[in-house]
């Protein structure tokens, strides 16, 4: 009898102990939501981020307290001192002021540091946004005295038009034979003129001609039915100018061995052309700044008289 009671008591004790163990296990087990901030995945990500930030703070503290030897700061010379002797001598002739157009052209010729006849260039920053279609300026101008470059003109047109082009001074004037040149990758011309009917045939060569700026374009006057006139203009000094992504136009006005009067006439002709292409949507000044320079010479600031 006593043995039965002791066994019963022992059983009850074991049951109580088992229940306590289950309750303790439940208390130590975290409950997670299926999603959201209380989900297991989010909690683990938060803990990982806290550990990463702690390691980052420790690394910064260690870097701040570390005794590192640092050398002397490098000495950067002014840009003018890194130029050649001839350029530095030419730059001393340019004063820190705005020149009128005639004086700027005269000074550009004097400050040419090269032995050859360099190109006299004009760089004009405009108050336009090239991303806007009406402000993406692209035009042509015939410089009355040429730009000093020998222009090789190619014409891709029907046979009757090629004869006229050769008479007008074209260097290359062919029909289907011209396509064979392009297939071989032969580009021995500076300007390509085509008739509208022949433009589809040039389509497959767009990747060859486009990056070089040789693809005929109606805005540039190189897609035309009057091939003879286009050839004469190209040979006479017709140049194309367009605004770049930084809203700047770059153009060559002639060579340093040009007569000063001819350089001035070319420059005035170009600026009149540019002025005529002012977009109607522009408010305020159209031209921000004008600089004249040679291919390798110093820049000369010009009075802004074209607004």
C-alpha atoms as a PDB file:
ATOM      1  CA  UNK A   1       0.000   0.000   0.000  1.00  0.00           C
ATOM      2  CA  UNK A   2       2.780   2.375   0.952  1.00  0.00           C
ATOM      3  CA  UNK A   3       4.632   1.402  -2.183  1.00  0.00           C
ATOM      4  CA  UNK A   4       1.618   2.254  -4.394  1.00  0.00           C
ATOM      5  CA  UNK A   5       1.311   5.700  -2.820  1.00  0.00           C
ATOM      6  CA  UNK A   6       5.008   6.455  -3.286  1.00  0.00           C
ATOM      7  CA  UNK A   7       4.800   5.438  -6.934  1.00  0.00           C
ATOM      8  CA  UNK A   8       1.751   7.677  -7.422  1.00  0.00           C
ATOM      9  CA  UNK A   9       3.525  10.625  -5.794  1.00  0.00           C
ATOM     10  CA  UNK A  10       6.574  10.019  -7.955  1.00  0.00           C
ATOM     11  CA  UNK A  11       4.384  10.088 -11.078  1.00  0.00           C
ATOM     12  CA  UNK A  12       2.818  13.405 -10.084  1.00  0.00           C
ATOM     13  CA  UNK A  13       6.260  14.950  -9.473  1.00  0.00           C
ATOM     14  CA  UNK A  14       7.430  13.891 -12.947  1.00  0.00           C
ATOM     15  CA  UNK A  15       4.296  15.358 -14.547  1.00  0.00           C
ATOM     16  CA  UNK A  16       4.835  18.697 -12.784  1.00  0.00           C
ATOM     17  CA  UNK A  17       8.499  18.772 -13.835  1.00  0.00           C
ATOM     18  CA  UNK A  18       7.599  18.056 -17.462  1.00  0.00           C
ATOM     19  CA  UNK A  19       5.008  20.834 -17.480  1.00  0.00           C
ATOM     20  CA  UNK A  20       7.523  23.313 -16.050  1.00  0.00           C
ATOM     21  CA  UNK A  21      10.044  22.372 -18.766  1.00  0.00           C
ATOM     22  CA  UNK A  22       7.447  22.956 -21.501  1.00  0.00           C
ATOM     23  CA  UNK A  23       6.532  26.370 -20.043  1.00  0.00           C
ATOM     24  CA  UNK A  24      10.228  27.368 -19.870  1.00  0.00           C
ATOM     25  CA  UNK A  25      10.774  26.300 -23.480  1.00  0.00           C
ATOM     26  CA  UNK A  26       7.757  28.330 -24.603  1.00  0.00           C
ATOM     27  CA  UNK A  27       9.038  31.369 -22.736  1.00  0.00           C
ATOM     28  CA  UNK A  28      12.482  31.106 -24.435  1.00  0.00           C
ATOM     29  CA  UNK A  29      11.006  30.633 -27.949  1.00  0.00           C
ATOM     30  CA  UNK A  30      10.506  33.903 -29.893  1.00  0.00           C
ATOM     31  CA  UNK A  31       7.313  34.287 -31.841  1.00  0.00           C
ATOM     32  CA  UNK A  32       7.665  35.863 -35.328  1.00  0.00           C
ATOM     33  CA  UNK A  33       5.157  37.439 -37.642  1.00  0.00           C
ATOM     34  CA  UNK A  34       4.854  36.141 -41.177  1.00  0.00           C
ATOM     35  CA  UNK A  35       5.920  39.514 -42.642  1.00  0.00           C
ATOM     36  CA  UNK A  36       6.664  43.119 -41.687  1.00  0.00           C
ATOM     37  CA  UNK A  37       8.936  44.517 -39.004  1.00  0.00           C
ATOM     38  CA  UNK A  38       8.296  41.575 -36.657  1.00  0.00           C
ATOM     39  CA  UNK A  39       9.196  38.933 -39.208  1.00  0.00           C
ATOM     40  CA  UNK A  40      12.258  36.778 -38.617  1.00  0.00           C
ATOM     41  CA  UNK A  41      13.948  37.974 -41.808  1.00  0.00           C
ATOM     42  CA  UNK A  42      13.573  41.663 -40.918  1.00  0.00           C
ATOM     43  CA  UNK A  43      14.843  41.140 -37.370  1.00  0.00           C
ATOM     44  CA  UNK A  44      17.924  39.314 -38.682  1.00  0.00           C
ATOM     45  CA  UNK A  45      18.596  42.107 -41.210  1.00  0.00           C
ATOM     46  CA  UNK A  46      18.371  44.754 -38.471  1.00  0.00           C
ATOM     47  CA  UNK A  47      20.811  42.828 -36.276  1.00  0.00           C
ATOM     48  CA  UNK A  48      23.238  42.400 -39.198  1.00  0.00           C
ATOM     49  CA  UNK A  49      23.075  46.147 -39.986  1.00  0.00           C
ATOM     50  CA  UNK A  50      23.715  47.045 -36.332  1.00  0.00           C
ATOM     51  CA  UNK A  51      26.751  44.765 -36.304  1.00  0.00           C
ATOM     52  CA  UNK A  52      28.036  46.330 -39.547  1.00  0.00           C
ATOM     53  CA  UNK A  53      27.657  49.861 -38.212  1.00  0.00           C
ATOM     54  CA  UNK A  54      29.446  48.849 -35.024  1.00  0.00           C
ATOM     55  CA  UNK A  55      32.376  47.434 -37.013  1.00  0.00           C
ATOM     56  CA  UNK A  56      32.471  50.596 -39.134  1.00  0.00           C
ATOM     57  CA  UNK A  57      32.590  52.810 -36.029  1.00  0.00           C
ATOM     58  CA  UNK A  58      35.386  50.703 -34.583  1.00  0.00           C
ATOM     59  CA  UNK A  59      37.378  50.978 -37.808  1.00  0.00           C
ATOM     60  CA  UNK A  60      36.965  54.790 -37.862  1.00  0.00           C
ATOM     61  CA  UNK A  61      38.050  55.040 -34.247  1.00  0.00           C
ATOM     62  CA  UNK A  62      41.086  52.866 -34.945  1.00  0.00           C
ATOM     63  CA  UNK A  63      41.989  54.988 -37.988  1.00  0.00           C
ATOM     64  CA  UNK A  64      41.653  58.225 -36.008  1.00  0.00           C
ATOM     65  CA  UNK A  65      43.885  56.997 -33.197  1.00  0.00           C
ATOM     66  CA  UNK A  66      46.467  55.324 -35.435  1.00  0.00           C
ATOM     67  CA  UNK A  67      49.765  57.175 -35.688  1.00  0.00           C
ATOM     68  CA  UNK A  68      50.245  57.334 -39.467  1.00  0.00           C
ATOM     69  CA  UNK A  69      53.119  59.134 -41.165  1.00  0.00           C
ATOM     70  CA  UNK A  70      51.872  61.537 -43.813  1.00  0.00           C
ATOM     71  CA  UNK A  71      54.199  63.149 -46.341  1.00  0.00           C
ATOM     72  CA  UNK A  72      54.095  66.774 -47.447  1.00  0.00           C
ATOM     73  CA  UNK A  73      51.165  67.833 -49.615  1.00  0.00           C
ATOM     74  CA  UNK A  74      52.057  67.819 -53.331  1.00  0.00           C
ATOM     75  CA  UNK A  75      52.761  71.229 -54.826  1.00  0.00           C
ATOM     76  CA  UNK A  76      50.672  71.926 -57.940  1.00  0.00           C
ATOM     77  CA  UNK A  77      52.151  74.514 -60.247  1.00  0.00           C
ATOM     78  CA  UNK A  78      49.862  77.041 -61.958  1.00  0.00           C
ATOM     79  CA  UNK A  79      48.628  75.955 -65.390  1.00  0.00           C
ATOM     80  CA  UNK A  80      50.598  78.678 -67.168  1.00  0.00           C
ATOM     81  CA  UNK A  81      53.863  77.378 -65.663  1.00  0.00           C
ATOM     82  CA  UNK A  82      53.169  73.914 -67.058  1.00  0.00           C
ATOM     83  CA  UNK A  83      53.041  75.339 -70.587  1.00  0.00           C
ATOM     84  CA  UNK A  84      55.962  75.618 -73.009  1.00  0.00           C
ATOM     85  CA  UNK A  85      58.261  78.634 -73.131  1.00  0.00           C
ATOM     86  CA  UNK A  86      56.808  79.909 -76.422  1.00  0.00           C
ATOM     87  CA  UNK A  87      53.270  79.737 -75.073  1.00  0.00           C
ATOM     88  CA  UNK A  88      54.252  81.564 -71.870  1.00  0.00           C
ATOM     89  CA  UNK A  89      55.923  84.310 -73.895  1.00  0.00           C
ATOM     90  CA  UNK A  90      52.819  84.658 -76.093  1.00  0.00           C
ATOM     91  CA  UNK A  91      50.465  84.697 -73.089  1.00  0.00           C
ATOM     92  CA  UNK A  92      52.326  87.706 -71.623  1.00  0.00           C
ATOM     93  CA  UNK A  93      51.138  89.774 -74.610  1.00  0.00           C
ATOM     94  CA  UNK A  94      47.463  89.184 -73.708  1.00  0.00           C
ATOM     95  CA  UNK A  95      46.140  91.650 -71.135  1.00  0.00           C
ATOM     96  CA  UNK A  96      43.361  90.862 -68.677  1.00  0.00           C
ATOM     97  CA  UNK A  97      40.718  92.876 -70.520  1.00  0.00           C
ATOM     98  CA  UNK A  98      38.117  92.672 -73.277  1.00  0.00           C
ATOM     99  CA  UNK A  99      39.404  93.436 -76.790  1.00  0.00           C
ATOM    100  CA  UNK A 100      37.377  94.586 -79.751  1.00  0.00           C
ATOM    101  CA  UNK A 101      37.091  92.056 -82.572  1.00  0.00           C
ATOM    102  CA  UNK A 102      39.708  93.660 -84.842  1.00  0.00           C
ATOM    103  CA  UNK A 103      42.327  93.979 -82.078  1.00  0.00           C
ATOM    104  CA  UNK A 104      41.617  90.420 -80.897  1.00  0.00           C
ATOM    105  CA  UNK A 105      42.249  89.020 -84.385  1.00  0.00           C
ATOM    106  CA  UNK A 106      45.467  91.043 -84.733  1.00  0.00           C
ATOM    107  CA  UNK A 107      46.676  89.836 -81.333  1.00  0.00           C
ATOM    108  CA  UNK A 108      45.771  86.211 -82.140  1.00  0.00           C
ATOM    109  CA  UNK A 109      48.092  86.318 -85.150  1.00  0.00           C
ATOM    110  CA  UNK A 110      50.904  87.852 -83.049  1.00  0.00           C
ATOM    111  CA  UNK A 111      50.531  85.275 -80.271  1.00  0.00           C
ATOM    112  CA  UNK A 112      50.664  82.226 -82.544  1.00  0.00           C
ATOM    113  CA  UNK A 113      53.449  80.150 -80.914  1.00  0.00           C
ATOM    114  CA  UNK A 114      53.857  77.744 -83.842  1.00  0.00           C
ATOM    115  CA  UNK A 115      56.029  77.988 -86.939  1.00  0.00           C
ATOM    116  CA  UNK A 116      53.207  76.991 -89.270  1.00  0.00           C
ATOM    117  CA  UNK A 117      50.138  78.997 -90.271  1.00  0.00           C
ATOM    118  CA  UNK A 118      47.702  78.029 -87.515  1.00  0.00           C
ATOM    119  CA  UNK A 119      43.925  78.286 -87.708  1.00  0.00           C
ATOM    120  CA  UNK A 120      42.361  81.374 -86.135  1.00  0.00           C
ATOM    121  CA  UNK A 121      39.420  80.064 -84.114  1.00  0.00           C
ATOM    122  CA  UNK A 122      36.371  81.630 -82.490  1.00  0.00           C
ATOM    123  CA  UNK A 123      34.705  80.019 -79.461  1.00  0.00           C
ATOM    124  CA  UNK A 124      31.302  81.433 -78.522  1.00  0.00           C
ATOM    125  CA  UNK A 125      29.320  80.435 -75.429  1.00  0.00           C
ATOM    126  CA  UNK A 126      25.581  80.925 -76.003  1.00  0.00           C
ATOM    127  CA  UNK A 127      22.641  81.340 -73.656  1.00  0.00           C
ATOM    128  CA  UNK A 128      20.819  78.317 -75.114  1.00  0.00           C
ATOM    129  CA  UNK A 129      19.808  74.830 -74.039  1.00  0.00           C
ATOM    130  CA  UNK A 130      20.952  72.405 -76.780  1.00  0.00           C
ATOM    131  CA  UNK A 131      18.455  69.822 -75.510  1.00  0.00           C
ATOM    132  CA  UNK A 132      15.622  72.000 -76.778  1.00  0.00           C
ATOM    133  CA  UNK A 133      14.927  71.438 -80.471  1.00  0.00           C
ATOM    134  CA  UNK A 134      14.479  75.136 -81.296  1.00  0.00           C
ATOM    135  CA  UNK A 135      17.718  76.058 -79.465  1.00  0.00           C
ATOM    136  CA  UNK A 136      19.940  73.332 -80.964  1.00  0.00           C
ATOM    137  CA  UNK A 137      21.587  75.712 -83.416  1.00  0.00           C
ATOM    138  CA  UNK A 138      23.045  74.198 -86.582  1.00  0.00           C
ATOM    139  CA  UNK A 139      23.719  76.259 -89.680  1.00  0.00           C
ATOM    140  CA  UNK A 140      26.193  76.998 -92.476  1.00  0.00           C
ATOM    141  CA  UNK A 141      27.961  80.138 -93.596  1.00  0.00           C
ATOM    142  CA  UNK A 142      30.044  80.912 -96.685  1.00  0.00           C
ATOM    143  CA  UNK A 143      33.170  82.720 -95.505  1.00  0.00           C
ATOM    144  CA  UNK A 144      33.961  85.335 -98.197  1.00  0.00           C
ATOM    145  CA  UNK A 145      37.693  84.595 -98.050  1.00  0.00           C
ATOM    146  CA  UNK A 146      37.520  80.876 -97.290  1.00  0.00           C
ATOM    147  CA  UNK A 147      38.886  79.215 -94.174  1.00  0.00           C
ATOM    148  CA  UNK A 148      42.334  78.432 -95.567  1.00  0.00           C
ATOM    149  CA  UNK A 149      41.717  74.700 -95.865  1.00  0.00           C
ATOM    150  CA  UNK A 150      41.765  72.643 -99.045  1.00  0.00           C
ATOM    151  CA  UNK A 151      38.366  70.952 -99.113  1.00  0.00           C
ATOM    152  CA  UNK A 152      37.979  67.630-100.912  1.00  0.00           C
ATOM    153  CA  UNK A 153      34.390  67.334-102.151  1.00  0.00           C
ATOM    154  CA  UNK A 154      32.710  64.043-103.068  1.00  0.00           C
ATOM    155  CA  UNK A 155      29.373  63.807-104.869  1.00  0.00           C
ATOM    156  CA  UNK A 156      27.061  60.784-104.882  1.00  0.00           C
ATOM    157  CA  UNK A 157      24.426  61.373-107.541  1.00  0.00           C
ATOM    158  CA  UNK A 158      23.125  60.174-110.925  1.00  0.00           C
ATOM    159  CA  UNK A 159      25.545  60.249-113.858  1.00  0.00           C
ATOM    160  CA  UNK A 160      24.135  63.428-115.416  1.00  0.00           C
ATOM    161  CA  UNK A 161      24.569  65.246-112.059  1.00  0.00           C
ATOM    162  CA  UNK A 162      28.100  63.896-111.526  1.00  0.00           C
ATOM    163  CA  UNK A 163      29.227  65.489-114.793  1.00  0.00           C
ATOM    164  CA  UNK A 164      28.008  68.881-113.584  1.00  0.00           C
ATOM    165  CA  UNK A 165      29.709  68.319-110.235  1.00  0.00           C
ATOM    166  CA  UNK A 166      33.078  67.555-111.842  1.00  0.00           C
ATOM    167  CA  UNK A 167      32.762  70.703-113.924  1.00  0.00           C
ATOM    168  CA  UNK A 168      32.052  72.711-110.759  1.00  0.00           C
ATOM    169  CA  UNK A 169      35.239  71.388-109.130  1.00  0.00           C
ATOM    170  CA  UNK A 170      34.257  68.214-107.274  1.00  0.00           C
ATOM    171  CA  UNK A 171      37.158  65.863-106.475  1.00  0.00           C
ATOM    172  CA  UNK A 172      35.015  62.709-106.592  1.00  0.00           C
ATOM    173  CA  UNK A 173      31.722  62.386-108.476  1.00  0.00           C
ATOM    174  CA  UNK A 174      30.380  58.889-108.989  1.00  0.00           C
ATOM    175  CA  UNK A 175      27.206  56.839-109.097  1.00  0.00           C
ATOM    176  CA  UNK A 176      27.230  53.181-107.995  1.00  0.00           C
ATOM    177  CA  UNK A 177      31.055  53.085-107.973  1.00  0.00           C
ATOM    178  CA  UNK A 178      31.023  55.370-104.938  1.00  0.00           C
ATOM    179  CA  UNK A 179      29.262  52.712-102.853  1.00  0.00           C
ATOM    180  CA  UNK A 180      32.083  50.270-103.601  1.00  0.00           C
ATOM    181  CA  UNK A 181      34.539  52.806-102.140  1.00  0.00           C
ATOM    182  CA  UNK A 182      32.517  53.023 -98.948  1.00  0.00           C
ATOM    183  CA  UNK A 183      32.249  49.234 -98.675  1.00  0.00           C
ATOM    184  CA  UNK A 184      36.064  49.105 -98.653  1.00  0.00           C
ATOM    185  CA  UNK A 185      36.119  51.837 -95.982  1.00  0.00           C
ATOM    186  CA  UNK A 186      37.776  54.372 -98.294  1.00  0.00           C
ATOM    187  CA  UNK A 187      37.101  57.922 -97.105  1.00  0.00           C
ATOM    188  CA  UNK A 188      39.263  60.383 -99.022  1.00  0.00           C
ATOM    189  CA  UNK A 189      36.990  63.434 -98.895  1.00  0.00           C
ATOM    190  CA  UNK A 190      36.020  66.185 -96.447  1.00  0.00           C
ATOM    191  CA  UNK A 191      32.489  66.943 -97.671  1.00  0.00           C
ATOM    192  CA  UNK A 192      29.937  64.535 -99.125  1.00  0.00           C
ATOM    193  CA  UNK A 193      27.074  65.886-101.221  1.00  0.00           C
ATOM    194  CA  UNK A 194      24.143  63.749-102.337  1.00  0.00           C
ATOM    195  CA  UNK A 195      20.782  64.136-104.031  1.00  0.00           C
ATOM    196  CA  UNK A 196      17.619  63.337-101.994  1.00  0.00           C
ATOM    197  CA  UNK A 197      16.818  60.317-104.189  1.00  0.00           C
ATOM    198  CA  UNK A 198      20.225  58.746-103.465  1.00  0.00           C
ATOM    199  CA  UNK A 199      20.143  59.224 -99.682  1.00  0.00           C
ATOM    200  CA  UNK A 200      18.453  55.830 -98.941  1.00  0.00           C
ATOM    201  CA  UNK A 201      21.421  54.091-100.560  1.00  0.00           C
ATOM    202  CA  UNK A 202      23.742  55.748 -97.998  1.00  0.00           C
ATOM    203  CA  UNK A 203      21.660  54.498 -95.066  1.00  0.00           C
ATOM    204  CA  UNK A 204      23.746  51.384 -94.445  1.00  0.00           C
ATOM    205  CA  UNK A 205      26.909  53.518 -94.239  1.00  0.00           C
ATOM    206  CA  UNK A 206      25.551  55.789 -91.502  1.00  0.00           C
ATOM    207  CA  UNK A 207      27.818  54.198 -88.868  1.00  0.00           C
ATOM    208  CA  UNK A 208      30.833  54.838 -91.069  1.00  0.00           C
ATOM    209  CA  UNK A 209      30.013  58.398 -92.109  1.00  0.00           C
ATOM    210  CA  UNK A 210      28.023  59.676 -89.105  1.00  0.00           C
ATOM    211  CA  UNK A 211      30.787  59.710 -86.427  1.00  0.00           C
ATOM    212  CA  UNK A 212      33.088  61.554 -88.859  1.00  0.00           C
ATOM    213  CA  UNK A 213      30.434  64.200 -89.567  1.00  0.00           C
ATOM    214  CA  UNK A 214      30.318  63.258 -93.257  1.00  0.00           C
ATOM    215  CA  UNK A 215      26.726  62.069 -93.531  1.00  0.00           C
ATOM    216  CA  UNK A 216      24.871  64.441 -95.890  1.00  0.00           C
ATOM    217  CA  UNK A 217      22.301  66.605 -94.127  1.00  0.00           C
ATOM    218  CA  UNK A 218      19.701  69.046 -95.494  1.00  0.00           C
ATOM    219  CA  UNK A 219      20.515  71.570 -92.719  1.00  0.00           C
ATOM    220  CA  UNK A 220      24.125  71.604 -93.843  1.00  0.00           C
ATOM    221  CA  UNK A 221      23.107  72.004 -97.479  1.00  0.00           C
ATOM    222  CA  UNK A 222      24.749  68.712 -98.469  1.00  0.00           C
ATOM    223  CA  UNK A 223      21.451  67.081 -99.480  1.00  0.00           C
ATOM    224  CA  UNK A 224      20.276  69.055-102.482  1.00  0.00           C
ATOM    225  CA  UNK A 225      18.994  68.799-106.026  1.00  0.00           C
ATOM    226  CA  UNK A 226      21.347  71.604-107.118  1.00  0.00           C
ATOM    227  CA  UNK A 227      24.607  69.653-106.831  1.00  0.00           C
ATOM    228  CA  UNK A 228      26.604  72.134-108.917  1.00  0.00           C
ATOM    229  CA  UNK A 229      25.836  75.039-106.584  1.00  0.00           C
ATOM    230  CA  UNK A 230      26.603  72.959-103.476  1.00  0.00           C
ATOM    231  CA  UNK A 231      30.023  71.993-104.844  1.00  0.00           C
ATOM    232  CA  UNK A 232      30.917  75.601-105.671  1.00  0.00           C
ATOM    233  CA  UNK A 233      29.904  76.773-102.177  1.00  0.00           C
ATOM    234  CA  UNK A 234      31.890  73.991-100.482  1.00  0.00           C
ATOM    235  CA  UNK A 235      34.974  74.872-102.523  1.00  0.00           C
ATOM    236  CA  UNK A 236      34.491  78.601-101.897  1.00  0.00           C
ATOM    237  CA  UNK A 237      34.673  78.212 -98.108  1.00  0.00           C
ATOM    238  CA  UNK A 238      31.253  77.133 -96.912  1.00  0.00           C
ATOM    239  CA  UNK A 239      31.548  75.835 -93.334  1.00  0.00           C
ATOM    240  CA  UNK A 240      29.045  74.293 -90.979  1.00  0.00           C
ATOM    241  CA  UNK A 241      28.791  75.311 -87.331  1.00  0.00           C
ATOM    242  CA  UNK A 242      26.673  73.886 -84.552  1.00  0.00           C
ATOM    243  CA  UNK A 243      26.300  74.247 -80.808  1.00  0.00           C
ATOM    244  CA  UNK A 244      27.769  71.432 -78.708  1.00  0.00           C
ATOM    245  CA  UNK A 245      26.464  69.905 -75.457  1.00  0.00           C
ATOM    246  CA  UNK A 246      28.071  72.704 -73.433  1.00  0.00           C
ATOM    247  CA  UNK A 247      26.249  75.364 -75.519  1.00  0.00           C
ATOM    248  CA  UNK A 248      29.489  76.435 -77.235  1.00  0.00           C
ATOM    249  CA  UNK A 249      30.128  76.979 -80.941  1.00  0.00           C
ATOM    250  CA  UNK A 250      33.643  76.421 -82.325  1.00  0.00           C
ATOM    251  CA  UNK A 251      34.598  77.632 -85.798  1.00  0.00           C
ATOM    252  CA  UNK A 252      37.747  78.332 -87.782  1.00  0.00           C
ATOM    253  CA  UNK A 253      37.783  81.802 -89.352  1.00  0.00           C
ATOM    254  CA  UNK A 254      40.958  81.499 -91.419  1.00  0.00           C
ATOM    255  CA  UNK A 255      44.722  81.144 -91.072  1.00  0.00           C
ATOM    256  CA  UNK A 256      47.319  83.313 -89.388  1.00  0.00           C
ATOM    257  CA  UNK A 257      48.868  84.079 -92.797  1.00  0.00           C
ATOM    258  CA  UNK A 258      45.607  85.715 -93.963  1.00  0.00           C
ATOM    259  CA  UNK A 259      45.483  89.442 -94.509  1.00  0.00           C
ATOM    260  CA  UNK A 260      43.981  91.112 -91.424  1.00  0.00           C
ATOM    261  CA  UNK A 261      41.160  92.664 -93.437  1.00  0.00           C
ATOM    262  CA  UNK A 262      40.182  89.223 -94.777  1.00  0.00           C
ATOM    263  CA  UNK A 263      40.161  87.689 -91.296  1.00  0.00           C
ATOM    264  CA  UNK A 264      37.961  90.513 -90.016  1.00  0.00           C
ATOM    265  CA  UNK A 265      35.583  90.146 -92.960  1.00  0.00           C
ATOM    266  CA  UNK A 266      35.257  86.392 -92.320  1.00  0.00           C
ATOM    267  CA  UNK A 267      34.623  86.979 -88.612  1.00  0.00           C
ATOM    268  CA  UNK A 268      31.968  89.640 -89.202  1.00  0.00           C
ATOM    269  CA  UNK A 269      30.220  87.433 -91.780  1.00  0.00           C
ATOM    270  CA  UNK A 270      30.090  84.544 -89.306  1.00  0.00           C
ATOM    271  CA  UNK A 271      28.764  86.660 -86.434  1.00  0.00           C
ATOM    272  CA  UNK A 272      26.061  88.134 -88.639  1.00  0.00           C
ATOM    273  CA  UNK A 273      25.032  84.594 -89.596  1.00  0.00           C
ATOM    274  CA  UNK A 274      24.996  83.529 -85.945  1.00  0.00           C
ATOM    275  CA  UNK A 275      22.951  86.579 -84.978  1.00  0.00           C
ATOM    276  CA  UNK A 276      20.338  85.707 -87.611  1.00  0.00           C
ATOM    277  CA  UNK A 277      19.841  82.264 -86.026  1.00  0.00           C
ATOM    278  CA  UNK A 278      18.911  83.570 -82.581  1.00  0.00           C
ATOM    279  CA  UNK A 279      15.962  81.438 -81.298  1.00  0.00           C
ATOM    280  CA  UNK A 280      12.760  83.343 -80.612  1.00  0.00           C
ATOM    281  CA  UNK A 281      12.435  81.622 -77.220  1.00  0.00           C
ATOM    282  CA  UNK A 282      15.675  83.156 -75.861  1.00  0.00           C
ATOM    283  CA  UNK A 283      15.132  85.919 -73.332  1.00  0.00           C
ATOM    284  CA  UNK A 284      17.977  88.297 -72.479  1.00  0.00           C
ATOM    285  CA  UNK A 285      21.475  87.995 -73.922  1.00  0.00           C
ATOM    286  CA  UNK A 286      21.985  85.477 -76.706  1.00  0.00           C
ATOM    287  CA  UNK A 287      25.805  85.454 -76.566  1.00  0.00           C
ATOM    288  CA  UNK A 288      27.439  84.963 -73.165  1.00  0.00           C
ATOM    289  CA  UNK A 289      31.107  85.227 -74.103  1.00  0.00           C
ATOM    290  CA  UNK A 290      33.407  85.284 -77.130  1.00  0.00           C
ATOM    291  CA  UNK A 291      37.037  84.170 -77.285  1.00  0.00           C
ATOM    292  CA  UNK A 292      39.499  84.313 -80.180  1.00  0.00           C
ATOM    293  CA  UNK A 293      42.554  82.054 -80.256  1.00  0.00           C
ATOM    294  CA  UNK A 294      44.856  80.116 -82.571  1.00  0.00           C
ATOM    295  CA  UNK A 295      45.240  76.335 -82.674  1.00  0.00           C
ATOM    296  CA  UNK A 296      47.895  76.303 -79.931  1.00  0.00           C
ATOM    297  CA  UNK A 297      47.858  79.900 -78.717  1.00  0.00           C
ATOM    298  CA  UNK A 298      46.370  81.698 -75.675  1.00  0.00           C
ATOM    299  CA  UNK A 299      42.714  82.775 -75.527  1.00  0.00           C
ATOM    300  CA  UNK A 300      41.746  86.404 -76.063  1.00  0.00           C
ATOM    301  CA  UNK A 301      38.472  87.671 -74.583  1.00  0.00           C
ATOM    302  CA  UNK A 302      36.357  89.750 -76.980  1.00  0.00           C
ATOM    303  CA  UNK A 303      33.805  92.461 -76.239  1.00  0.00           C
ATOM    304  CA  UNK A 304      30.284  91.093 -76.341  1.00  0.00           C
ATOM    305  CA  UNK A 305      28.752  93.399 -78.946  1.00  0.00           C
ATOM    306  CA  UNK A 306      26.449  90.866 -80.626  1.00  0.00           C
ATOM    307  CA  UNK A 307      23.543  90.799 -78.170  1.00  0.00           C
END
